[in-house]
PDB file of N, CA and C in Angstrom:
ATOM      1  N   MET A   1     147.706  72.653 264.867  1.00  0.00           N
ATOM      2  CA  MET A   1     148.568  73.800 265.093  1.00  0.00           C
ATOM      3  C   MET A   1     147.794  75.067 264.744  1.00  0.00           C
ATOM      4  N   MET A   2     147.815  76.018 265.630  1.00  0.00           N
ATOM      5  CA  MET A   2     147.105  77.266 265.417  1.00  0.00           C
ATOM      6  C   MET A   2     148.106  78.359 265.040  1.00  0.00           C
ATOM      7  N   ILE A   3     147.777  79.124 264.016  1.00  0.00           N
ATOM      8  CA  ILE A   3     148.654  80.193 263.552  1.00  0.00           C
ATOM      9  C   ILE A   3     148.147  81.506 264.130  1.00  0.00           C
ATOM     10  N   THR A   4     149.006  82.204 264.843  1.00  0.00           N
ATOM     11  CA  THR A   4     148.609  83.469 265.457  1.00  0.00           C
ATOM     12  C   THR A   4     148.781  84.617 264.472  1.00  0.00           C
ATOM     13  N   GLN A   5     148.295  85.780 264.851  1.00  0.00           N
ATOM     14  CA  GLN A   5     148.354  86.972 264.004  1.00  0.00           C
ATOM     15  C   GLN A   5     149.798  87.321 263.637  1.00  0.00           C
ATOM     16  N   ASN A   6     150.730  87.188 264.576  1.00  0.00           N
ATOM     17  CA  ASN A   6     152.126  87.541 264.314  1.00  0.00           C
ATOM     18  C   ASN A   6     152.823  86.523 263.421  1.00  0.00           C
ATOM     19  N   GLN A   7     152.330  85.280 263.389  1.00  0.00           N
ATOM     20  CA  GLN A   7     152.960  84.248 262.583  1.00  0.00           C
ATOM     21  C   GLN A   7     152.452  84.248 261.143  1.00  0.00           C
ATOM     22  N   THR A   8     151.353  84.919 260.871  1.00  0.00           N
ATOM     23  CA  THR A   8     150.748  84.895 259.548  1.00  0.00           C
ATOM     24  C   THR A   8     151.695  85.358 258.446  1.00  0.00           C
ATOM     25  N   PRO A   9     152.382  86.516 258.562  1.00  0.00           N
ATOM     26  CA  PRO A   9     153.290  86.920 257.483  1.00  0.00           C
ATOM     27  C   PRO A   9     154.400  85.897 257.237  1.00  0.00           C
ATOM     28  N   ALA A  10     154.951  85.340 258.275  1.00  0.00           N
ATOM     29  CA  ALA A  10     156.013  84.338 258.105  1.00  0.00           C
ATOM     30  C   ALA A  10     155.474  83.112 257.384  1.00  0.00           C
ATOM     31  N   PHE A  11     154.275  82.700 257.714  1.00  0.00           N
ATOM     32  CA  PHE A  11     153.641  81.549 257.074  1.00  0.00           C
ATOM     33  C   PHE A  11     153.412  81.810 255.583  1.00  0.00           C
ATOM     34  N   ILE A  12     152.969  83.013 255.250  1.00  0.00           N
ATOM     35  CA  ILE A  12     152.702  83.370 253.855  1.00  0.00           C
ATOM     36  C   ILE A  12     153.995  83.325 253.044  1.00  0.00           C
ATOM     37  N   TYR A  13     155.033  83.963 253.532  1.00  0.00           N
ATOM     38  CA  TYR A  13     156.302  84.014 252.801  1.00  0.00           C
ATOM     39  C   TYR A  13     156.994  82.657 252.771  1.00  0.00           C
ATOM     40  N   LEU A  14     156.869  81.890 253.835  1.00  0.00           N
ATOM     41  CA  LEU A  14     157.446  80.547 253.869  1.00  0.00           C
ATOM     42  C   LEU A  14     156.741  79.637 252.855  1.00  0.00           C
ATOM     43  N   SER A  15     155.445  79.793 252.730  1.00  0.00           N
ATOM     44  CA  SER A  15     154.695  79.017 251.733  1.00  0.00           C
ATOM     45  C   SER A  15     155.184  79.328 250.326  1.00  0.00           C
ATOM     46  N   ALA A  16     155.417  80.602 250.046  1.00  0.00           N
ATOM     47  CA  ALA A  16     155.930  80.990 248.726  1.00  0.00           C
ATOM     48  C   ALA A  16     157.307  80.372 248.483  1.00  0.00           C
ATOM     49  N   ALA A  17     158.151  80.371 249.498  1.00  0.00           N
ATOM     50  CA  ALA A  17     159.490  79.794 249.358  1.00  0.00           C
ATOM     51  C   ALA A  17     159.430  78.281 249.127  1.00  0.00           C
ATOM     52  N   ILE A  18     158.542  77.604 249.823  1.00  0.00           N
ATOM     53  CA  ILE A  18     158.409  76.152 249.659  1.00  0.00           C
ATOM     54  C   ILE A  18     157.920  75.817 248.253  1.00  0.00           C
ATOM     55  N   ILE A  19     156.963  76.601 247.746  1.00  0.00           N
ATOM     56  CA  ILE A  19     156.482  76.380 246.383  1.00  0.00           C
ATOM     57  C   ILE A  19     157.619  76.566 245.385  1.00  0.00           C
ATOM     58  N   LEU A  20     158.472  77.543 245.630  1.00  0.00           N
ATOM     59  CA  LEU A  20     159.592  77.811 244.732  1.00  0.00           C
ATOM     60  C   LEU A  20     160.677  76.740 244.823  1.00  0.00           C
ATOM     61  N   ILE A  21     160.814  76.116 245.966  1.00  0.00           N
ATOM     62  CA  ILE A  21     161.819  75.070 246.147  1.00  0.00           C
ATOM     63  C   ILE A  21     161.406  73.766 245.459  1.00  0.00           C
ATOM     64  N   ALA A  22     160.107  73.538 245.299  1.00  0.00           N
ATOM     65  CA  ALA A  22     159.611  72.285 244.719  1.00  0.00           C
ATOM     66  C   ALA A  22     160.217  71.980 243.340  1.00  0.00           C
ATOM     67  N   PRO A  23     160.232  72.916 242.377  1.00  0.00           N
ATOM     68  CA  PRO A  23     160.844  72.577 241.090  1.00  0.00           C
ATOM     69  C   PRO A  23     162.353  72.351 241.191  1.00  0.00           C
ATOM     70  N   PHE A  24     163.009  73.049 242.113  1.00  0.00           N
ATOM     71  CA  PHE A  24     164.447  72.850 242.299  1.00  0.00           C
ATOM     72  C   PHE A  24     164.731  71.419 242.745  1.00  0.00           C
ATOM     73  N   ILE A  25     163.929  70.924 243.676  1.00  0.00           N
ATOM     74  CA  ILE A  25     164.093  69.544 244.144  1.00  0.00           C
ATOM     75  C   ILE A  25     163.753  68.569 243.018  1.00  0.00           C
ATOM     76  N   ALA A  26     162.685  68.854 242.284  1.00  0.00           N
ATOM     77  CA  ALA A  26     162.286  67.969 241.184  1.00  0.00           C
ATOM     78  C   ALA A  26     163.372  67.884 240.118  1.00  0.00           C
ATOM     79  N   MET A  27     164.093  68.974 239.891  1.00  0.00           N
ATOM     80  CA  MET A  27     165.170  68.979 238.898  1.00  0.00           C
ATOM     81  C   MET A  27     166.284  68.007 239.266  1.00  0.00           C
ATOM     82  N   GLN A  28     166.428  67.706 240.554  1.00  0.00           N
ATOM     83  CA  GLN A  28     167.479  66.802 240.994  1.00  0.00           C
ATOM     84  C   GLN A  28     167.159  65.345 240.662  1.00  0.00           C
ATOM     85  N   PHE A  29     165.873  65.049 240.436  1.00  0.00           N
ATOM     86  CA  PHE A  29     165.449  63.668 240.255  1.00  0.00           C
ATOM     87  C   PHE A  29     164.937  63.333 238.861  1.00  0.00           C
ATOM     88  N   THR A  30     164.620  64.340 238.056  1.00  0.00           N
ATOM     89  CA  THR A  30     164.079  64.069 236.728  1.00  0.00           C
ATOM     90  C   THR A  30     164.574  65.102 235.726  1.00  0.00           C
ATOM     91  N   LYS A  31     164.662  64.681 234.491  1.00  0.00           N
ATOM     92  CA  LYS A  31     165.068  65.592 233.409  1.00  0.00           C
ATOM     93  C   LYS A  31     163.863  66.349 232.846  1.00  0.00           C
ATOM     94  N   GLU A  32     162.659  65.976 233.244  1.00  0.00           N
ATOM     95  CA  GLU A  32     161.455  66.608 232.720  1.00  0.00           C
ATOM     96  C   GLU A  32     161.220  67.997 233.296  1.00  0.00           C
ATOM     97  N   VAL A  33     161.794  68.277 234.445  1.00  0.00           N
ATOM     98  CA  VAL A  33     161.727  69.619 235.019  1.00  0.00           C
ATOM     99  C   VAL A  33     163.066  70.272 234.722  1.00  0.00           C
ATOM    100  N   ASN A  34     163.042  71.297 233.885  1.00  0.00           N
ATOM    101  CA  ASN A  34     164.278  71.932 233.444  1.00  0.00           C
ATOM    102  C   ASN A  34     164.120  73.453 233.519  1.00  0.00           C
ATOM    103  N   TRP A  35     164.268  73.991 234.707  1.00  0.00           N
ATOM    104  CA  TRP A  35     164.126  75.432 234.905  1.00  0.00           C
ATOM    105  C   TRP A  35     165.494  76.095 234.809  1.00  0.00           C
ATOM    106  N   THR A  36     165.514  77.294 234.253  1.00  0.00           N
ATOM    107  CA  THR A  36     166.736  78.101 234.218  1.00  0.00           C
ATOM    108  C   THR A  36     166.689  79.092 235.372  1.00  0.00           C
ATOM    109  N   ALA A  37     167.775  79.825 235.545  1.00  0.00           N
ATOM    110  CA  ALA A  37     167.810  80.838 236.605  1.00  0.00           C
ATOM    111  C   ALA A  37     166.730  81.892 236.386  1.00  0.00           C
ATOM    112  N   SER A  38     166.478  82.240 235.130  1.00  0.00           N
ATOM    113  CA  SER A  38     165.435  83.241 234.863  1.00  0.00           C
ATOM    114  C   SER A  38     164.048  82.710 235.220  1.00  0.00           C
ATOM    115  N   ASP A  39     163.811  81.413 235.038  1.00  0.00           N
ATOM    116  CA  ASP A  39     162.536  80.823 235.444  1.00  0.00           C
ATOM    117  C   ASP A  39     162.332  80.974 236.949  1.00  0.00           C
ATOM    118  N   PHE A  40     163.386  80.694 237.711  1.00  0.00           N
ATOM    119  CA  PHE A  40     163.293  80.837 239.164  1.00  0.00           C
ATOM    120  C   PHE A  40     163.112  82.304 239.560  1.00  0.00           C
ATOM    121  N   LEU A  41     163.795  83.190 238.887  1.00  0.00           N
ATOM    122  CA  LEU A  41     163.664  84.618 239.182  1.00  0.00           C
ATOM    123  C   LEU A  41     162.246  85.112 238.898  1.00  0.00           C
ATOM    124  N   ILE A  42     161.701  84.748 237.761  1.00  0.00           N
ATOM    125  CA  ILE A  42     160.358  85.189 237.398  1.00  0.00           C
ATOM    126  C   ILE A  42     159.317  84.591 238.342  1.00  0.00           C
ATOM    127  N   MET A  43     159.396  83.292 238.596  1.00  0.00           N
ATOM    128  CA  MET A  43     158.423  82.662 239.485  1.00  0.00           C
ATOM    129  C   MET A  43     158.582  83.165 240.916  1.00  0.00           C
ATOM    130  N   GLY A  44     159.819  83.386 241.354  1.00  0.00           N
ATOM    131  CA  GLY A  44     160.040  83.947 242.691  1.00  0.00           C
ATOM    132  C   GLY A  44     159.428  85.325 242.817  1.00  0.00           C
ATOM    133  N   THR A  45     159.602  86.147 241.794  1.00  0.00           N
ATOM    134  CA  THR A  45     159.006  87.479 241.801  1.00  0.00           C
ATOM    135  C   THR A  45     157.490  87.378 241.853  1.00  0.00           C
ATOM    136  N   LEU A  46     156.926  86.497 241.048  1.00  0.00           N
ATOM    137  CA  LEU A  46     155.471  86.315 241.022  1.00  0.00           C
ATOM    138  C   LEU A  46     154.943  85.824 242.371  1.00  0.00           C
ATOM    139  N   LEU A  47     155.602  84.826 242.943  1.00  0.00           N
ATOM    140  CA  LEU A  47     155.147  84.271 244.225  1.00  0.00           C
ATOM    141  C   LEU A  47     155.294  85.259 245.374  1.00  0.00           C
ATOM    142  N   PHE A  48     156.438  85.944 245.445  1.00  0.00           N
ATOM    143  CA  PHE A  48     156.641  86.852 246.569  1.00  0.00           C
ATOM    144  C   PHE A  48     155.843  88.146 246.425  1.00  0.00           C
ATOM    145  N   THR A  49     155.549  88.562 245.199  1.00  0.00           N
ATOM    146  CA  THR A  49     154.650  89.696 244.999  1.00  0.00           C
ATOM    147  C   THR A  49     153.243  89.322 245.450  1.00  0.00           C
ATOM    148  N   THR A  50     152.828  88.104 245.134  1.00  0.00           N
ATOM    149  CA  THR A  50     151.526  87.616 245.578  1.00  0.00           C
ATOM    150  C   THR A  50     151.487  87.537 247.103  1.00  0.00           C
ATOM    151  N   ALA A  51     152.538  87.011 247.704  1.00  0.00           N
ATOM    152  CA  ALA A  51     152.602  86.919 249.165  1.00  0.00           C
ATOM    153  C   ALA A  51     152.538  88.307 249.799  1.00  0.00           C
ATOM    154  N   LEU A  52     153.237  89.260 249.206  1.00  0.00           N
ATOM    155  CA  LEU A  52     153.203  90.633 249.712  1.00  0.00           C
ATOM    156  C   LEU A  52     151.796  91.221 249.610  1.00  0.00           C
ATOM    157  N   ALA A  53     151.121  90.981 248.493  1.00  0.00           N
ATOM    158  CA  ALA A  53     149.767  91.501 248.309  1.00  0.00           C
ATOM    159  C   ALA A  53     148.795  90.873 249.312  1.00  0.00           C
ATOM    160  N   VAL A  54     148.900  89.562 249.526  1.00  0.00           N
ATOM    161  CA  VAL A  54     148.031  88.893 250.497  1.00  0.00           C
ATOM    162  C   VAL A  54     148.325  89.408 251.902  1.00  0.00           C
ATOM    163  N   ASP A  55     149.582  89.564 252.240  1.00  0.00           N
ATOM    164  CA  ASP A  55     149.965  90.093 253.547  1.00  0.00           C
ATOM    165  C   ASP A  55     149.403  91.496 253.749  1.00  0.00           C
ATOM    166  N   LEU A  56     149.494  92.316 252.731  1.00  0.00           N
ATOM    167  CA  LEU A  56     148.961  93.684 252.804  1.00  0.00           C
ATOM    168  C   LEU A  56     147.451  93.674 253.017  1.00  0.00           C
ATOM    169  N   VAL A  57     146.753  92.811 252.287  1.00  0.00           N
ATOM    170  CA  VAL A  57     145.294  92.706 252.450  1.00  0.00           C
ATOM    171  C   VAL A  57     144.953  92.271 253.871  1.00  0.00           C
ATOM    172  N   LEU A  58     145.663  91.280 254.376  1.00  0.00           N
ATOM    173  CA  LEU A  58     145.363  90.784 255.726  1.00  0.00           C
ATOM    174  C   LEU A  58     145.653  91.828 256.802  1.00  0.00           C
ATOM    175  N   LYS A  59     146.614  92.706 256.565  1.00  0.00           N
ATOM    176  CA  LYS A  59     146.934  93.742 257.543  1.00  0.00           C
ATOM    177  C   LYS A  59     145.992  94.938 257.466  1.00  0.00           C
ATOM    178  N   LYS A  60     145.570  95.304 256.255  1.00  0.00           N
ATOM    179  CA  LYS A  60     144.829  96.549 256.073  1.00  0.00           C
ATOM    180  C   LYS A  60     143.311  96.379 256.059  1.00  0.00           C
ATOM    181  N   VAL A  61     142.821  95.238 255.587  1.00  0.00           N
ATOM    182  CA  VAL A  61     141.375  95.048 255.453  1.00  0.00           C
ATOM    183  C   VAL A  61     140.865  94.301 256.679  1.00  0.00           C
ATOM    184  N   LYS A  62     139.884  94.888 257.356  1.00  0.00           N
ATOM    185  CA  LYS A  62     139.388  94.295 258.605  1.00  0.00           C
ATOM    186  C   LYS A  62     138.157  93.421 258.412  1.00  0.00           C
ATOM    187  N   ASN A  63     137.364  93.682 257.393  1.00  0.00           N
ATOM    188  CA  ASN A  63     136.145  92.929 257.140  1.00  0.00           C
ATOM    189  C   ASN A  63     136.506  91.556 256.558  1.00  0.00           C
ATOM    190  N   PHE A  64     136.014  90.493 257.199  1.00  0.00           N
ATOM    191  CA  PHE A  64     136.366  89.134 256.785  1.00  0.00           C
ATOM    192  C   PHE A  64     135.927  88.844 255.357  1.00  0.00           C
ATOM    193  N   LYS A  65     134.725  89.242 254.987  1.00  0.00           N
ATOM    194  CA  LYS A  65     134.219  88.975 253.645  1.00  0.00           C
ATOM    195  C   LYS A  65     135.073  89.682 252.589  1.00  0.00           C
ATOM    196  N   SER A  66     135.459  90.916 252.860  1.00  0.00           N
ATOM    197  CA  SER A  66     136.311  91.655 251.926  1.00  0.00           C
ATOM    198  C   SER A  66     137.684  91.003 251.806  1.00  0.00           C
ATOM    199  N   ARG A  67     138.223  90.567 252.934  1.00  0.00           N
ATOM    200  CA  ARG A  67     139.506  89.863 252.926  1.00  0.00           C
ATOM    201  C   ARG A  67     139.442  88.620 252.057  1.00  0.00           C
ATOM    202  N   LEU A  68     138.384  87.849 252.265  1.00  0.00           N
ATOM    203  CA  LEU A  68     138.217  86.603 251.532  1.00  0.00           C
ATOM    204  C   LEU A  68     138.132  86.857 250.027  1.00  0.00           C
ATOM    205  N   ILE A  69     137.350  87.839 249.635  1.00  0.00           N
ATOM    206  CA  ILE A  69     137.198  88.167 248.214  1.00  0.00           C
ATOM    207  C   ILE A  69     138.523  88.641 247.623  1.00  0.00           C
ATOM    208  N   LEU A  70     139.232  89.511 248.331  1.00  0.00           N
ATOM    209  CA  LEU A  70     140.498  90.033 247.829  1.00  0.00           C
ATOM    210  C   LEU A  70     141.576  88.952 247.728  1.00  0.00           C
ATOM    211  N   VAL A  71     141.685  88.121 248.744  1.00  0.00           N
ATOM    212  CA  VAL A  71     142.681  87.048 248.716  1.00  0.00           C
ATOM    213  C   VAL A  71     142.342  86.044 247.616  1.00  0.00           C
ATOM    214  N   PHE A  72     141.061  85.737 247.440  1.00  0.00           N
ATOM    215  CA  PHE A  72     140.661  84.849 246.344  1.00  0.00           C
ATOM    216  C   PHE A  72     141.008  85.474 244.995  1.00  0.00           C
ATOM    217  N   GLY A  73     140.747  86.757 244.840  1.00  0.00           N
ATOM    218  CA  GLY A  73     141.065  87.445 243.583  1.00  0.00           C
ATOM    219  C   GLY A  73     142.557  87.469 243.299  1.00  0.00           C
ATOM    220  N   ILE A  74     143.360  87.723 244.325  1.00  0.00           N
ATOM    221  CA  ILE A  74     144.821  87.725 244.172  1.00  0.00           C
ATOM    222  C   ILE A  74     145.302  86.325 243.788  1.00  0.00           C
ATOM    223  N   SER A  75     144.746  85.312 244.435  1.00  0.00           N
ATOM    224  CA  SER A  75     145.126  83.928 244.129  1.00  0.00           C
ATOM    225  C   SER A  75     144.724  83.546 242.707  1.00  0.00           C
ATOM    226  N   ALA A  76     143.540  83.959 242.291  1.00  0.00           N
ATOM    227  CA  ALA A  76     143.078  83.674 240.929  1.00  0.00           C
ATOM    228  C   ALA A  76     143.984  84.365 239.908  1.00  0.00           C
ATOM    229  N   LEU A  77     144.372  85.594 240.198  1.00  0.00           N
ATOM    230  CA  LEU A  77     145.273  86.320 239.297  1.00  0.00           C
ATOM    231  C   LEU A  77     146.626  85.617 239.195  1.00  0.00           C
ATOM    232  N   LEU A  78     147.140  85.134 240.316  1.00  0.00           N
ATOM    233  CA  LEU A  78     148.397  84.370 240.314  1.00  0.00           C
ATOM    234  C   LEU A  78     148.270  83.149 239.415  1.00  0.00           C
ATOM    235  N   ILE A  79     147.198  82.404 239.565  1.00  0.00           N
ATOM    236  CA  ILE A  79     147.008  81.187 238.779  1.00  0.00           C
ATOM    237  C   ILE A  79     146.872  81.513 237.295  1.00  0.00           C
ATOM    238  N   LEU A  80     146.131  82.570 236.957  1.00  0.00           N
ATOM    239  CA  LEU A  80     145.978  82.959 235.552  1.00  0.00           C
ATOM    240  C   LEU A  80     147.303  83.383 234.929  1.00  0.00           C
ATOM    241  N   ILE A  81     148.073  84.184 235.658  1.00  0.00           N
ATOM    242  CA  ILE A  81     149.374  84.614 235.128  1.00  0.00           C
ATOM    243  C   ILE A  81     150.313  83.430 234.983  1.00  0.00           C
ATOM    244  N   TRP A  82     150.337  82.561 235.987  1.00  0.00           N
ATOM    245  CA  TRP A  82     151.190  81.382 235.915  1.00  0.00           C
ATOM    246  C   TRP A  82     150.798  80.496 234.731  1.00  0.00           C
ATOM    247  N   ALA A  83     149.505  80.248 234.549  1.00  0.00           N
ATOM    248  CA  ALA A  83     149.047  79.407 233.442  1.00  0.00           C
ATOM    249  C   ALA A  83     149.377  80.044 232.094  1.00  0.00           C
ATOM    250  N   GLU A  84     149.230  81.348 231.990  1.00  0.00           N
ATOM    251  CA  GLU A  84     149.560  82.037 230.744  1.00  0.00           C
ATOM    252  C   GLU A  84     151.050  81.919 230.440  1.00  0.00           C
ATOM    253  N   MET A  85     151.868  82.079 231.449  1.00  0.00           N
ATOM    254  CA  MET A  85     153.311  81.986 231.240  1.00  0.00           C
ATOM    255  C   MET A  85     153.740  80.541 230.942  1.00  0.00           C
ATOM    256  N   ALA A  86     153.038  79.574 231.508  1.00  0.00           N
ATOM    257  CA  ALA A  86     153.414  78.173 231.337  1.00  0.00           C
ATOM    258  C   ALA A  86     152.978  77.619 229.976  1.00  0.00           C
ATOM    259  N   VAL A  87     151.722  77.858 229.608  1.00  0.00           N
ATOM    260  CA  VAL A  87     151.197  77.225 228.393  1.00  0.00           C
ATOM    261  C   VAL A  87     150.548  78.187 227.410  1.00  0.00           C
ATOM    262  N   GLY A  88     150.424  79.451 227.768  1.00  0.00           N
ATOM    263  CA  GLY A  88     149.865  80.433 226.848  1.00  0.00           C
ATOM    264  C   GLY A  88     148.381  80.268 226.586  1.00  0.00           C
ATOM    265  N   ILE A  89     147.562  80.184 227.632  1.00  0.00           N
ATOM    266  CA  ILE A  89     146.124  79.952 227.450  1.00  0.00           C
ATOM    267  C   ILE A  89     145.423  81.119 226.757  1.00  0.00           C
ATOM    268  N   PHE A  90     145.957  82.312 226.847  1.00  0.00           N
ATOM    269  CA  PHE A  90     145.337  83.469 226.198  1.00  0.00           C
ATOM    270  C   PHE A  90     146.093  83.937 224.966  1.00  0.00           C
ATOM    271  N   GLY A  91     147.301  83.454 224.757  1.00  0.00           N
ATOM    272  CA  GLY A  91     148.094  83.840 223.608  1.00  0.00           C
ATOM    273  C   GLY A  91     148.682  85.239 223.702  1.00  0.00           C
ATOM    274  N   SER A  92     148.936  85.710 224.903  1.00  0.00           N
ATOM    275  CA  SER A  92     149.514  87.041 225.078  1.00  0.00           C
ATOM    276  C   SER A  92     151.040  86.984 224.903  1.00  0.00           C
ATOM    277  N   PRO A  93     151.683  88.149 224.777  1.00  0.00           N
ATOM    278  CA  PRO A  93     153.144  88.161 224.596  1.00  0.00           C
ATOM    279  C   PRO A  93     153.936  87.564 225.771  1.00  0.00           C
ATOM    280  N   ILE A  94     153.372  87.543 226.983  1.00  0.00           N
ATOM    281  CA  ILE A  94     154.130  86.981 228.115  1.00  0.00           C
ATOM    282  C   ILE A  94     154.228  85.472 228.045  1.00  0.00           C
ATOM    283  N   ALA A  95     153.496  84.842 227.148  1.00  0.00           N
ATOM    284  CA  ALA A  95     153.526  83.385 227.024  1.00  0.00           C
ATOM    285  C   ALA A  95     154.795  82.890 226.346  1.00  0.00           C
ATOM    286  N   GLY A  96     155.556  83.791 225.770  1.00  0.00           N
ATOM    287  CA  GLY A  96     156.786  83.365 225.090  1.00  0.00           C
ATOM    288  C   GLY A  96     156.514  83.119 223.616  1.00  0.00           C
ATOM    289  N   SER A  97     157.381  82.358 222.999  1.00  0.00           N
ATOM    290  CA  SER A  97     157.264  82.169 221.549  1.00  0.00           C
ATOM    291  C   SER A  97     156.253  81.165 221.205  1.00  0.00           C
TER     292      SER A  97
END
């Protein structure tokens, strides 16, 4: 399946939604996944902000190498923030108690 230029934003946002739906589905089958509404709100904000940033880069930056570097950097930042919020790898205040 080939994704055209017009389908790219929909694909990006749909991917974020699917990632967000995964813990909701997991909660139906196991007690080990226990997200609250605030968890979904925070992760949804993080995922859709990332999707918006990637979409903006793909629309505004024309050089392929620059696009690749920026999208990789945005993705790395998402993973670092998510890991910090999940397990507190850096010990910052966003890691919780």
